[in-house]
Structures are given as C-alpha cells and as structure tokens.
PDB file of N, CA and C in Angstrom:
ATOM      1  N   MET A   1      -1.475  -9.539  -7.791  1.00  0.00           N
ATOM      2  CA  MET A   1      -2.075  -8.380  -7.761  1.00  0.00           C
ATOM      3  C   MET A   1      -1.324  -7.205  -6.746  1.00  0.00           C
ATOM      4  N   LYS A   2      -1.280  -6.072  -7.557  1.00  0.00           N
ATOM      5  CA  LYS A   2      -0.617  -4.929  -6.900  1.00  0.00           C
ATOM      6  C   LYS A   2      -1.741  -3.982  -5.961  1.00  0.00           C
ATOM      7  N   PHE A   3      -1.159  -3.560  -4.848  1.00  0.00           N
ATOM      8  CA  PHE A   3      -1.763  -2.932  -3.753  1.00  0.00           C
ATOM      9  C   PHE A   3      -1.006  -1.526  -3.483  1.00  0.00           C
ATOM     10  N   MET A   4      -1.796  -0.717  -3.239  1.00  0.00           N
ATOM     11  CA  MET A   4      -1.202   0.672  -2.821  1.00  0.00           C
ATOM     12  C   MET A   4      -1.491   0.995  -1.443  1.00  0.00           C
ATOM     13  N   MET A   5      -0.370   0.981  -0.551  1.00  0.00           N
ATOM     14  CA  MET A   5      -0.527   1.135   1.020  1.00  0.00           C
ATOM     15  C   MET A   5      -0.115   2.683   1.107  1.00  0.00           C
ATOM     16  N   THR A   6      -0.996   3.538   1.548  1.00  0.00           N
ATOM     17  CA  THR A   6      -0.538   4.841   1.954  1.00  0.00           C
ATOM     18  C   THR A   6      -0.421   4.799   3.494  1.00  0.00           C
ATOM     19  N   PHE A   7       0.514   5.695   3.958  1.00  0.00           N
ATOM     20  CA  PHE A   7       0.725   5.856   5.490  1.00  0.00           C
ATOM     21  C   PHE A   7       0.780   7.209   5.568  1.00  0.00           C
ATOM     22  N   HIS A   8       0.306   7.563   6.948  1.00  0.00           N
ATOM     23  CA  HIS A   8       0.487   8.793   7.354  1.00  0.00           C
ATOM     24  C   HIS A   8       0.499   8.848   9.140  1.00  0.00           C
ATOM     25  N   TRP A   9       1.337   9.652   9.544  1.00  0.00           N
ATOM     26  CA  TRP A   9       1.460   9.956  10.941  1.00  0.00           C
ATOM     27  C   TRP A   9       1.246  11.219  11.329  1.00  0.00           C
ATOM     28  N   ALA A  10       0.712  11.440  12.522  1.00  0.00           N
ATOM     29  CA  ALA A  10       0.802  12.865  13.132  1.00  0.00           C
ATOM     30  C   ALA A  10       2.114  13.245  13.666  1.00  0.00           C
ATOM     31  N   PRO A  11       2.395  14.475  13.869  1.00  0.00           N
ATOM     32  CA  PRO A  11       3.734  14.975  14.224  1.00  0.00           C
ATOM     33  C   PRO A  11       3.916  14.603  15.802  1.00  0.00           C
ATOM     34  N   ASP A  12       3.872  13.369  16.191  1.00  0.00           N
ATOM     35  CA  ASP A  12       4.193  12.768  17.367  1.00  0.00           C
ATOM     36  C   ASP A  12       5.660  12.560  17.604  1.00  0.00           C
ATOM     37  N   THR A  13       6.370  13.190  18.245  1.00  0.00           N
ATOM     38  CA  THR A  13       7.734  12.833  18.362  1.00  0.00           C
ATOM     39  C   THR A  13       8.287  11.370  18.774  1.00  0.00           C
ATOM     40  N   GLU A  14       7.488  10.830  19.860  1.00  0.00           N
ATOM     41  CA  GLU A  14       7.622   9.586  20.298  1.00  0.00           C
ATOM     42  C   GLU A  14       7.304   8.658  19.210  1.00  0.00           C
ATOM     43  N   GLN A  15       6.172   8.721  18.571  1.00  0.00           N
ATOM     44  CA  GLN A  15       5.687   7.838  17.355  1.00  0.00           C
ATOM     45  C   GLN A  15       6.732   7.700  16.493  1.00  0.00           C
ATOM     46  N   ARG A  16       7.234   9.050  15.953  1.00  0.00           N
ATOM     47  CA  ARG A  16       8.006   9.114  14.976  1.00  0.00           C
ATOM     48  C   ARG A  16       9.366   8.535  15.218  1.00  0.00           C
ATOM     49  N   THR A  17      10.116   8.750  16.361  1.00  0.00           N
ATOM     50  CA  THR A  17      11.245   8.068  16.728  1.00  0.00           C
ATOM     51  C   THR A  17      11.152   6.553  16.635  1.00  0.00           C
ATOM     52  N   GLU A  18       9.997   6.036  17.237  1.00  0.00           N
ATOM     53  CA  GLU A  18       9.777   4.633  17.146  1.00  0.00           C
ATOM     54  C   GLU A  18       9.715   4.110  15.831  1.00  0.00           C
ATOM     55  N   ALA A  19       9.030   4.729  14.857  1.00  0.00           N
ATOM     56  CA  ALA A  19       8.898   4.558  13.516  1.00  0.00           C
ATOM     57  C   ALA A  19      10.084   4.461  12.795  1.00  0.00           C
ATOM     58  N   ILE A  20      11.070   5.460  13.018  1.00  0.00           N
ATOM     59  CA  ILE A  20      12.318   5.508  12.381  1.00  0.00           C
ATOM     60  C   ILE A  20      13.115   4.296  12.964  1.00  0.00           C
ATOM     61  N   GLU A  21      13.266   4.034  14.388  1.00  0.00           N
ATOM     62  CA  GLU A  21      14.183   2.919  14.991  1.00  0.00           C
ATOM     63  C   GLU A  21      13.520   1.625  14.244  1.00  0.00           C
ATOM     64  N   ARG A  22      12.155   1.405  14.368  1.00  0.00           N
ATOM     65  CA  ARG A  22      11.857   0.167  13.554  1.00  0.00           C
ATOM     66  C   ARG A  22      12.115  -0.092  12.220  1.00  0.00           C
ATOM     67  N   PHE A  23      12.021   0.987  11.420  1.00  0.00           N
ATOM     68  CA  PHE A  23      12.458   0.853   9.990  1.00  0.00           C
ATOM     69  C   PHE A  23      13.823   0.788   9.848  1.00  0.00           C
ATOM     70  N   LEU A  24      14.677   1.138  10.505  1.00  0.00           N
ATOM     71  CA  LEU A  24      16.054   1.025  10.470  1.00  0.00           C
ATOM     72  C   LEU A  24      16.462  -0.399  11.067  1.00  0.00           C
ATOM     73  N   ARG A  25      15.789  -0.709  11.988  1.00  0.00           N
ATOM     74  CA  ARG A  25      15.893  -2.344  12.503  1.00  0.00           C
ATOM     75  C   ARG A  25      15.507  -3.210  11.541  1.00  0.00           C
ATOM     76  N   THR A  26      14.399  -3.154  10.951  1.00  0.00           N
ATOM     77  CA  THR A  26      13.589  -4.007   9.943  1.00  0.00           C
ATOM     78  C   THR A  26      13.800  -3.978   8.511  1.00  0.00           C
ATOM     79  N   GLY A  27      14.266  -2.652   8.139  1.00  0.00           N
ATOM     80  CA  GLY A  27      14.352  -2.214   6.568  1.00  0.00           C
ATOM     81  C   GLY A  27      12.942  -1.977   6.142  1.00  0.00           C
ATOM     82  N   GLY A  28      11.821  -2.071   7.032  1.00  0.00           N
ATOM     83  CA  GLY A  28      10.421  -1.845   6.597  1.00  0.00           C
ATOM     84  C   GLY A  28       9.949  -2.878   5.540  1.00  0.00           C
ATOM     85  N   LEU A  29      10.554  -3.898   5.691  1.00  0.00           N
ATOM     86  CA  LEU A  29      10.351  -5.068   4.460  1.00  0.00           C
ATOM     87  C   LEU A  29       8.947  -5.660   4.903  1.00  0.00           C
ATOM     88  N   PRO A  30       8.088  -6.240   3.807  1.00  0.00           N
ATOM     89  CA  PRO A  30       6.885  -6.937   4.197  1.00  0.00           C
ATOM     90  C   PRO A  30       7.276  -8.290   4.326  1.00  0.00           C
ATOM     91  N   PRO A  31       6.351  -9.081   5.232  1.00  0.00           N
ATOM     92  CA  PRO A  31       6.483 -10.485   5.262  1.00  0.00           C
ATOM     93  C   PRO A  31       6.565 -11.328   3.920  1.00  0.00           C
ATOM     94  N   GLU A  32       7.237 -12.373   4.029  1.00  0.00           N
ATOM     95  CA  GLU A  32       7.417 -13.309   2.939  1.00  0.00           C
ATOM     96  C   GLU A  32       6.209 -13.582   2.475  1.00  0.00           C
ATOM     97  N   GLY A  33       5.877 -13.468   0.938  1.00  0.00           N
ATOM     98  CA  GLY A  33       4.610 -13.545   0.207  1.00  0.00           C
ATOM     99  C   GLY A  33       4.242 -12.288  -0.147  1.00  0.00           C
ATOM    100  N   VAL A  34       4.873 -11.316   0.209  1.00  0.00           N
ATOM    101  CA  VAL A  34       4.464  -9.890  -0.446  1.00  0.00           C
ATOM    102  C   VAL A  34       5.926  -9.257  -1.042  1.00  0.00           C
ATOM    103  N   ARG A  35       5.752  -8.819  -2.159  1.00  0.00           N
ATOM    104  CA  ARG A  35       6.980  -8.175  -2.763  1.00  0.00           C
ATOM    105  C   ARG A  35       6.571  -6.533  -2.741  1.00  0.00           C
ATOM    106  N   LEU A  36       7.676  -5.936  -2.275  1.00  0.00           N
ATOM    107  CA  LEU A  36       7.788  -4.621  -2.123  1.00  0.00           C
ATOM    108  C   LEU A  36       8.337  -3.991  -3.624  1.00  0.00           C
ATOM    109  N   VAL A  37       7.314  -3.507  -4.357  1.00  0.00           N
ATOM    110  CA  VAL A  37       7.683  -3.124  -5.510  1.00  0.00           C
ATOM    111  C   VAL A  37       8.344  -1.709  -5.483  1.00  0.00           C
ATOM    112  N   GLY A  38       8.123  -0.978  -4.557  1.00  0.00           N
ATOM    113  CA  GLY A  38       8.689   0.584  -4.321  1.00  0.00           C
ATOM    114  C   GLY A  38       8.018   1.084  -3.145  1.00  0.00           C
ATOM    115  N   ARG A  39       8.707   2.049  -2.644  1.00  0.00           N
ATOM    116  CA  ARG A  39       8.446   2.880  -1.529  1.00  0.00           C
ATOM    117  C   ARG A  39       8.749   4.381  -1.645  1.00  0.00           C
ATOM    118  N   TRP A  40       7.836   5.370  -1.346  1.00  0.00           N
ATOM    119  CA  TRP A  40       8.119   6.591  -1.619  1.00  0.00           C
ATOM    120  C   TRP A  40       7.502   7.567  -0.304  1.00  0.00           C
ATOM    121  N   THR A  41       8.321   8.333   0.206  1.00  0.00           N
ATOM    122  CA  THR A  41       8.075   9.081   1.505  1.00  0.00           C
ATOM    123  C   THR A  41       8.097  10.479   1.036  1.00  0.00           C
ATOM    124  N   SER A  42       7.018  11.355   1.688  1.00  0.00           N
ATOM    125  CA  SER A  42       7.148  12.644   1.348  1.00  0.00           C
ATOM    126  C   SER A  42       8.290  13.313   1.947  1.00  0.00           C
ATOM    127  N   ALA A  43       8.701  14.541   1.317  1.00  0.00           N
ATOM    128  CA  ALA A  43       9.849  15.216   2.059  1.00  0.00           C
ATOM    129  C   ALA A  43       9.560  15.774   3.331  1.00  0.00           C
ATOM    130  N   ASP A  44       8.462  15.935   3.886  1.00  0.00           N
ATOM    131  CA  ASP A  44       8.170  16.483   5.032  1.00  0.00           C
ATOM    132  C   ASP A  44       8.083  15.379   6.052  1.00  0.00           C
ATOM    133  N   LEU A  45       8.217  14.023   5.643  1.00  0.00           N
ATOM    134  CA  LEU A  45       8.179  12.696   6.455  1.00  0.00           C
ATOM    135  C   LEU A  45       6.725  12.410   7.166  1.00  0.00           C
ATOM    136  N   GLY A  46       5.839  13.166   6.572  1.00  0.00           N
ATOM    137  CA  GLY A  46       4.606  12.868   7.216  1.00  0.00           C
ATOM    138  C   GLY A  46       3.751  11.823   6.622  1.00  0.00           C
ATOM    139  N   SER A  47       4.120  11.454   5.455  1.00  0.00           N
ATOM    140  CA  SER A  47       3.114  10.455   4.814  1.00  0.00           C
ATOM    141  C   SER A  47       4.008   9.660   3.497  1.00  0.00           C
ATOM    142  N   GLY A  48       3.269   8.932   2.966  1.00  0.00           N
ATOM    143  CA  GLY A  48       4.218   8.142   1.893  1.00  0.00           C
ATOM    144  C   GLY A  48       3.294   6.909   1.376  1.00  0.00           C
ATOM    145  N   PHE A  49       3.909   6.267   0.402  1.00  0.00           N
ATOM    146  CA  PHE A  49       3.146   4.888   0.164  1.00  0.00           C
ATOM    147  C   PHE A  49       4.220   3.824  -0.300  1.00  0.00           C
ATOM    148  N   ASP A  50       3.712   2.692  -0.330  1.00  0.00           N
ATOM    149  CA  ASP A  50       4.221   1.450  -0.688  1.00  0.00           C
ATOM    150  C   ASP A  50       3.507   0.892  -1.936  1.00  0.00           C
ATOM    151  N   LEU A  51       4.125   0.532  -2.963  1.00  0.00           N
ATOM    152  CA  LEU A  51       3.600  -0.303  -3.893  1.00  0.00           C
ATOM    153  C   LEU A  51       3.961  -1.854  -3.592  1.00  0.00           C
ATOM    154  N   LEU A  52       2.932  -2.607  -3.404  1.00  0.00           N
ATOM    155  CA  LEU A  52       3.163  -4.019  -3.010  1.00  0.00           C
ATOM    156  C   LEU A  52       2.432  -4.931  -3.800  1.00  0.00           C
ATOM    157  N   GLU A  53       2.954  -6.148  -4.069  1.00  0.00           N
ATOM    158  CA  GLU A  53       2.317  -7.128  -4.990  1.00  0.00           C
ATOM    159  C   GLU A  53       2.239  -8.413  -4.246  1.00  0.00           C
ATOM    160  N   THR A  54       0.935  -9.042  -4.158  1.00  0.00           N
ATOM    161  CA  THR A  54       0.602 -10.274  -3.626  1.00  0.00           C
ATOM    162  C   THR A  54      -0.560 -10.874  -3.936  1.00  0.00           C
ATOM    163  N   ASP A  55      -0.731 -12.244  -3.811  1.00  0.00           N
ATOM    164  CA  ASP A  55      -2.015 -12.795  -3.937  1.00  0.00           C
ATOM    165  C   ASP A  55      -2.679 -13.193  -2.687  1.00  0.00           C
ATOM    166  N   ASP A  56      -2.016 -12.796  -1.645  1.00  0.00           N
ATOM    167  CA  ASP A  56      -2.392 -13.148  -0.317  1.00  0.00           C
ATOM    168  C   ASP A  56      -2.769 -11.870   0.395  1.00  0.00           C
ATOM    169  N   ALA A  57      -4.015 -11.770   0.654  1.00  0.00           N
ATOM    170  CA  ALA A  57      -4.584 -10.522   1.464  1.00  0.00           C
ATOM    171  C   ALA A  57      -4.101 -10.731   3.139  1.00  0.00           C
ATOM    172  N   ALA A  58      -4.148 -11.885   3.387  1.00  0.00           N
ATOM    173  CA  ALA A  58      -3.731 -11.927   4.867  1.00  0.00           C
ATOM    174  C   ALA A  58      -2.234 -11.570   5.046  1.00  0.00           C
ATOM    175  N   LYS A  59      -1.421 -11.826   4.192  1.00  0.00           N
ATOM    176  CA  LYS A  59      -0.141 -11.114   4.329  1.00  0.00           C
ATOM    177  C   LYS A  59      -0.184  -9.623   4.255  1.00  0.00           C
ATOM    178  N   LEU A  60      -1.154  -9.049   3.541  1.00  0.00           N
ATOM    179  CA  LEU A  60      -0.970  -7.555   3.588  1.00  0.00           C
ATOM    180  C   LEU A  60      -1.520  -7.243   4.898  1.00  0.00           C
ATOM    181  N   THR A  61      -2.407  -8.007   5.492  1.00  0.00           N
ATOM    182  CA  THR A  61      -2.954  -7.481   6.740  1.00  0.00           C
ATOM    183  C   THR A  61      -1.741  -7.713   7.988  1.00  0.00           C
ATOM    184  N   GLU A  62      -0.872  -8.802   7.793  1.00  0.00           N
ATOM    185  CA  GLU A  62       0.141  -8.845   8.599  1.00  0.00           C
ATOM    186  C   GLU A  62       1.036  -7.751   8.653  1.00  0.00           C
ATOM    187  N   PHE A  63       1.465  -7.268   7.301  1.00  0.00           N
ATOM    188  CA  PHE A  63       2.234  -6.118   7.256  1.00  0.00           C
ATOM    189  C   PHE A  63       1.698  -4.882   7.754  1.00  0.00           C
ATOM    190  N   ALA A  64       0.319  -4.691   7.585  1.00  0.00           N
ATOM    191  CA  ALA A  64      -0.247  -3.582   8.047  1.00  0.00           C
ATOM    192  C   ALA A  64      -0.159  -3.656   9.635  1.00  0.00           C
ATOM    193  N   TYR A  65      -0.622  -4.663  10.106  1.00  0.00           N
ATOM    194  CA  TYR A  65      -0.300  -4.702  11.605  1.00  0.00           C
ATOM    195  C   TYR A  65       0.933  -4.626  12.191  1.00  0.00           C
ATOM    196  N   GLN A  66       2.044  -4.906  11.417  1.00  0.00           N
ATOM    197  CA  GLN A  66       3.253  -4.442  12.182  1.00  0.00           C
ATOM    198  C   GLN A  66       3.488  -2.844  11.999  1.00  0.00           C
ATOM    199  N   TRP A  67       2.738  -2.093  11.415  1.00  0.00           N
ATOM    200  CA  TRP A  67       2.899  -0.644  11.577  1.00  0.00           C
ATOM    201  C   TRP A  67       1.688   0.030  12.005  1.00  0.00           C
ATOM    202  N   SER A  68       0.534  -0.505  12.070  1.00  0.00           N
ATOM    203  CA  SER A  68      -0.712   0.259  12.383  1.00  0.00           C
ATOM    204  C   SER A  68      -0.803   0.851  13.938  1.00  0.00           C
ATOM    205  N   ASP A  69       0.284   0.526  14.790  1.00  0.00           N
ATOM    206  CA  ASP A  69       0.369   0.879  15.958  1.00  0.00           C
ATOM    207  C   ASP A  69       0.963   2.405  16.041  1.00  0.00           C
ATOM    208  N   LEU A  70       1.813   2.746  14.739  1.00  0.00           N
ATOM    209  CA  LEU A  70       2.630   3.911  14.689  1.00  0.00           C
ATOM    210  C   LEU A  70       1.916   4.834  13.625  1.00  0.00           C
ATOM    211  N   MET A  71       1.144   4.501  12.872  1.00  0.00           N
ATOM    212  CA  MET A  71       0.781   5.361  11.749  1.00  0.00           C
ATOM    213  C   MET A  71      -0.651   4.762  11.206  1.00  0.00           C
ATOM    214  N   GLU A  72      -1.451   5.657  10.621  1.00  0.00           N
ATOM    215  CA  GLU A  72      -2.629   5.331   9.746  1.00  0.00           C
ATOM    216  C   GLU A  72      -2.397   4.832   8.534  1.00  0.00           C
ATOM    217  N   LEU A  73      -2.920   3.528   8.162  1.00  0.00           N
ATOM    218  CA  LEU A  73      -2.639   2.968   6.892  1.00  0.00           C
ATOM    219  C   LEU A  73      -3.957   2.954   6.236  1.00  0.00           C
ATOM    220  N   ALA A  74      -3.821   2.790   4.839  1.00  0.00           N
ATOM    221  CA  ALA A  74      -4.974   2.549   3.996  1.00  0.00           C
ATOM    222  C   ALA A  74      -4.375   1.690   2.788  1.00  0.00           C
ATOM    223  N   ILE A  75      -4.904   0.514   2.372  1.00  0.00           N
ATOM    224  CA  ILE A  75      -4.557  -0.357   1.408  1.00  0.00           C
ATOM    225  C   ILE A  75      -5.583  -0.413   0.090  1.00  0.00           C
ATOM    226  N   VAL A  76      -5.146  -0.247  -1.133  1.00  0.00           N
ATOM    227  CA  VAL A  76      -6.297  -0.404  -1.903  1.00  0.00           C
ATOM    228  C   VAL A  76      -5.713  -0.980  -3.132  1.00  0.00           C
ATOM    229  N   PRO A  77      -6.434  -1.936  -4.038  1.00  0.00           N
ATOM    230  CA  PRO A  77      -5.921  -2.684  -5.035  1.00  0.00           C
ATOM    231  C   PRO A  77      -5.629  -1.557  -5.973  1.00  0.00           C
ATOM    232  N   VAL A  78      -4.675  -1.907  -6.843  1.00  0.00           N
ATOM    233  CA  VAL A  78      -4.496  -0.894  -8.121  1.00  0.00           C
ATOM    234  C   VAL A  78      -4.094  -1.471  -9.422  1.00  0.00           C
ATOM    235  N   LEU A  79      -4.501  -0.846 -10.557  1.00  0.00           N
ATOM    236  CA  LEU A  79      -4.057  -1.461 -11.736  1.00  0.00           C
ATOM    237  C   LEU A  79      -3.336  -0.769 -12.521  1.00  0.00           C
ATOM    238  N   GLU A  80      -2.329  -1.490 -13.238  1.00  0.00           N
ATOM    239  CA  GLU A  80      -1.384  -0.734 -14.360  1.00  0.00           C
ATOM    240  C   GLU A  80      -2.224  -0.312 -15.462  1.00  0.00           C
ATOM    241  N   ASP A  81      -1.618   0.720 -16.024  1.00  0.00           N
ATOM    242  CA  ASP A  81      -2.435   1.134 -17.572  1.00  0.00           C
ATOM    243  C   ASP A  81      -2.851  -0.073 -18.449  1.00  0.00           C
ATOM    244  N   ALA A  82      -1.951  -0.888 -18.602  1.00  0.00           N
ATOM    245  CA  ALA A  82      -2.336  -1.924 -19.592  1.00  0.00           C
ATOM    246  C   ALA A  82      -3.496  -2.937 -19.065  1.00  0.00           C
ATOM    247  N   GLU A  83      -3.548  -3.167 -17.782  1.00  0.00           N
ATOM    248  CA  GLU A  83      -4.560  -3.798 -17.232  1.00  0.00           C
ATOM    249  C   GLU A  83      -6.023  -2.752 -17.268  1.00  0.00           C
ATOM    250  N   LEU A  84      -5.788  -1.590 -16.983  1.00  0.00           N
ATOM    251  CA  LEU A  84      -7.041  -0.648 -17.062  1.00  0.00           C
ATOM    252  C   LEU A  84      -7.501  -0.705 -18.378  1.00  0.00           C
ATOM    253  N   ALA A  85      -6.572  -0.529 -19.320  1.00  0.00           N
ATOM    254  CA  ALA A  85      -6.871  -0.497 -20.832  1.00  0.00           C
ATOM    255  C   ALA A  85      -7.762  -1.702 -21.221  1.00  0.00           C
ATOM    256  N   ASP A  86      -7.240  -3.096 -20.805  1.00  0.00           N
ATOM    257  CA  ASP A  86      -8.070  -4.112 -21.071  1.00  0.00           C
ATOM    258  C   ASP A  86      -9.472  -4.044 -20.466  1.00  0.00           C
ATOM    259  N   VAL A  87      -9.469  -3.555 -19.128  1.00  0.00           N
ATOM    260  CA  VAL A  87     -11.165  -3.381 -18.602  1.00  0.00           C
ATOM    261  C   VAL A  87     -11.637  -2.747 -19.374  1.00  0.00           C
ATOM    262  N   LEU A  88     -11.155  -1.442 -19.731  1.00  0.00           N
ATOM    263  CA  LEU A  88     -12.015  -0.316 -20.392  1.00  0.00           C
ATOM    264  C   LEU A  88     -12.438  -0.840 -21.937  1.00  0.00           C
ATOM    265  N   GLY A  89     -11.376  -1.745 -22.540  1.00  0.00           N
ATOM    266  CA  GLY A  89     -11.777  -2.207 -23.773  1.00  0.00           C
ATOM    267  C   GLY A  89     -13.009  -3.158 -23.832  1.00  0.00           C
ATOM    268  N   ARG A  90     -13.064  -3.823 -22.704  1.00  0.00           N
ATOM    269  CA  ARG A  90     -14.301  -4.789 -22.454  1.00  0.00           C
ATOM    270  C   ARG A  90     -15.614  -3.857 -22.267  1.00  0.00           C
ATOM    271  N   VAL A  91     -15.456  -2.968 -21.312  1.00  0.00           N
ATOM    272  CA  VAL A  91     -16.483  -2.247 -20.962  1.00  0.00           C
ATOM    273  C   VAL A  91     -17.112  -1.345 -22.293  1.00  0.00           C
ATOM    274  N   ALA A  92     -16.200  -0.752 -22.842  1.00  0.00           N
ATOM    275  CA  ALA A  92     -16.553  -0.078 -24.117  1.00  0.00           C
ATOM    276  C   ALA A  92     -17.157  -0.944 -25.261  1.00  0.00           C
ATOM    277  N   ILE A  93     -16.814  -2.214 -25.250  1.00  0.00           N
ATOM    278  CA  ILE A  93     -17.262  -3.116 -26.323  1.00  0.00           C
ATOM    279  C   ILE A  93     -18.719  -3.513 -25.882  1.00  0.00           C
ATOM    280  N   ASN A  94     -18.905  -3.793 -24.505  1.00  0.00           N
ATOM    281  CA  ASN A  94     -20.185  -4.411 -24.049  1.00  0.00           C
ATOM    282  C   ASN A  94     -21.123  -3.219 -23.504  1.00  0.00           C
ATOM    283  N   GLY A  95     -20.413  -2.143 -23.288  1.00  0.00           N
ATOM    284  CA  GLY A  95     -21.270  -1.045 -22.550  1.00  0.00           C
ATOM    285  C   GLY A  95     -21.197  -1.209 -20.889  1.00  0.00           C
ATOM    286  N   PRO A  96     -21.473  -0.408 -20.434  1.00  0.00           N
ATOM    287  CA  PRO A  96     -21.576  -0.270 -18.881  1.00  0.00           C
ATOM    288  C   PRO A  96     -22.481  -1.367 -18.327  1.00  0.00           C
ATOM    289  N   ALA A  97     -22.134  -1.944 -17.034  1.00  0.00           N
ATOM    290  CA  ALA A  97     -22.939  -2.945 -16.529  1.00  0.00           C
ATOM    291  C   ALA A  97     -24.277  -2.377 -16.133  1.00  0.00           C
ATOM    292  N   PRO A  98     -25.222  -3.192 -16.220  1.00  0.00           N
ATOM    293  CA  PRO A  98     -26.756  -2.699 -15.715  1.00  0.00           C
ATOM    294  C   PRO A  98     -26.850  -2.158 -14.306  1.00  0.00           C
ATOM    295  N   ALA A  99     -27.576  -1.321 -14.271  1.00  0.00           N
ATOM    296  CA  ALA A  99     -27.826  -0.814 -12.758  1.00  0.00           C
ATOM    297  C   ALA A  99     -28.556  -1.835 -12.089  1.00  0.00           C
ATOM    298  N   ALA A 100     -28.167  -1.945 -10.740  1.00  0.00           N
ATOM    299  CA  ALA A 100     -28.980  -3.099  -9.862  1.00  0.00           C
ATOM    300  C   ALA A 100     -30.235  -2.581  -9.232  1.00  0.00           C
TER     301      ALA A 100
END
C-alpha cells in the first residue's frame, strides 16, 4: 500500500541545521520494509512529502519517529488512479453505501 508522508518545520535554525545534518548522515531513508518511491521538498525548504510503500504500518511509525523530533509529520494512505477507478467502478455499479 502507498502512503503520502508530508513534513513541515518552522523556521527554527537549530532544528533546520539538525534536520540537514541528519539527512546528510542517513540519506533520509526509511527502515527496511518501507520503500521510498520518491521525495519532493518545497523550494523554500519549509515542507515536502515522501511517497512510501509498505504493508507494515509499524514500520511507518518507526520512520515517523526518526524525524518527529524535528518536524511535523502527517501520513495518509493514497491510491493511484487505476486503484481509484476500480473503487469508483464498483461504487458506481452498486451505488453509494447506505448511511449508518
């Protein structure tokens, strides 16, 4: 399953310096069991996102923990268009789920 992890940090020079040093030291790579599909960082260096793939939510938590002392993180599951089209095709055929 794919997950989008967004990151944001305040313009705190100490935190930014530590984040840069940690990234250069580790490559910012996730733990074994999580595949980094891609990473994009905003031009102002204030935020960005990683596209990750794993079936192990605990490994995502491990990766988030490695960076949560320096930045605010959010992780959400995401679907590719083909996966979304499959879901929408089933919903369109069967109609929306009944309200609870």
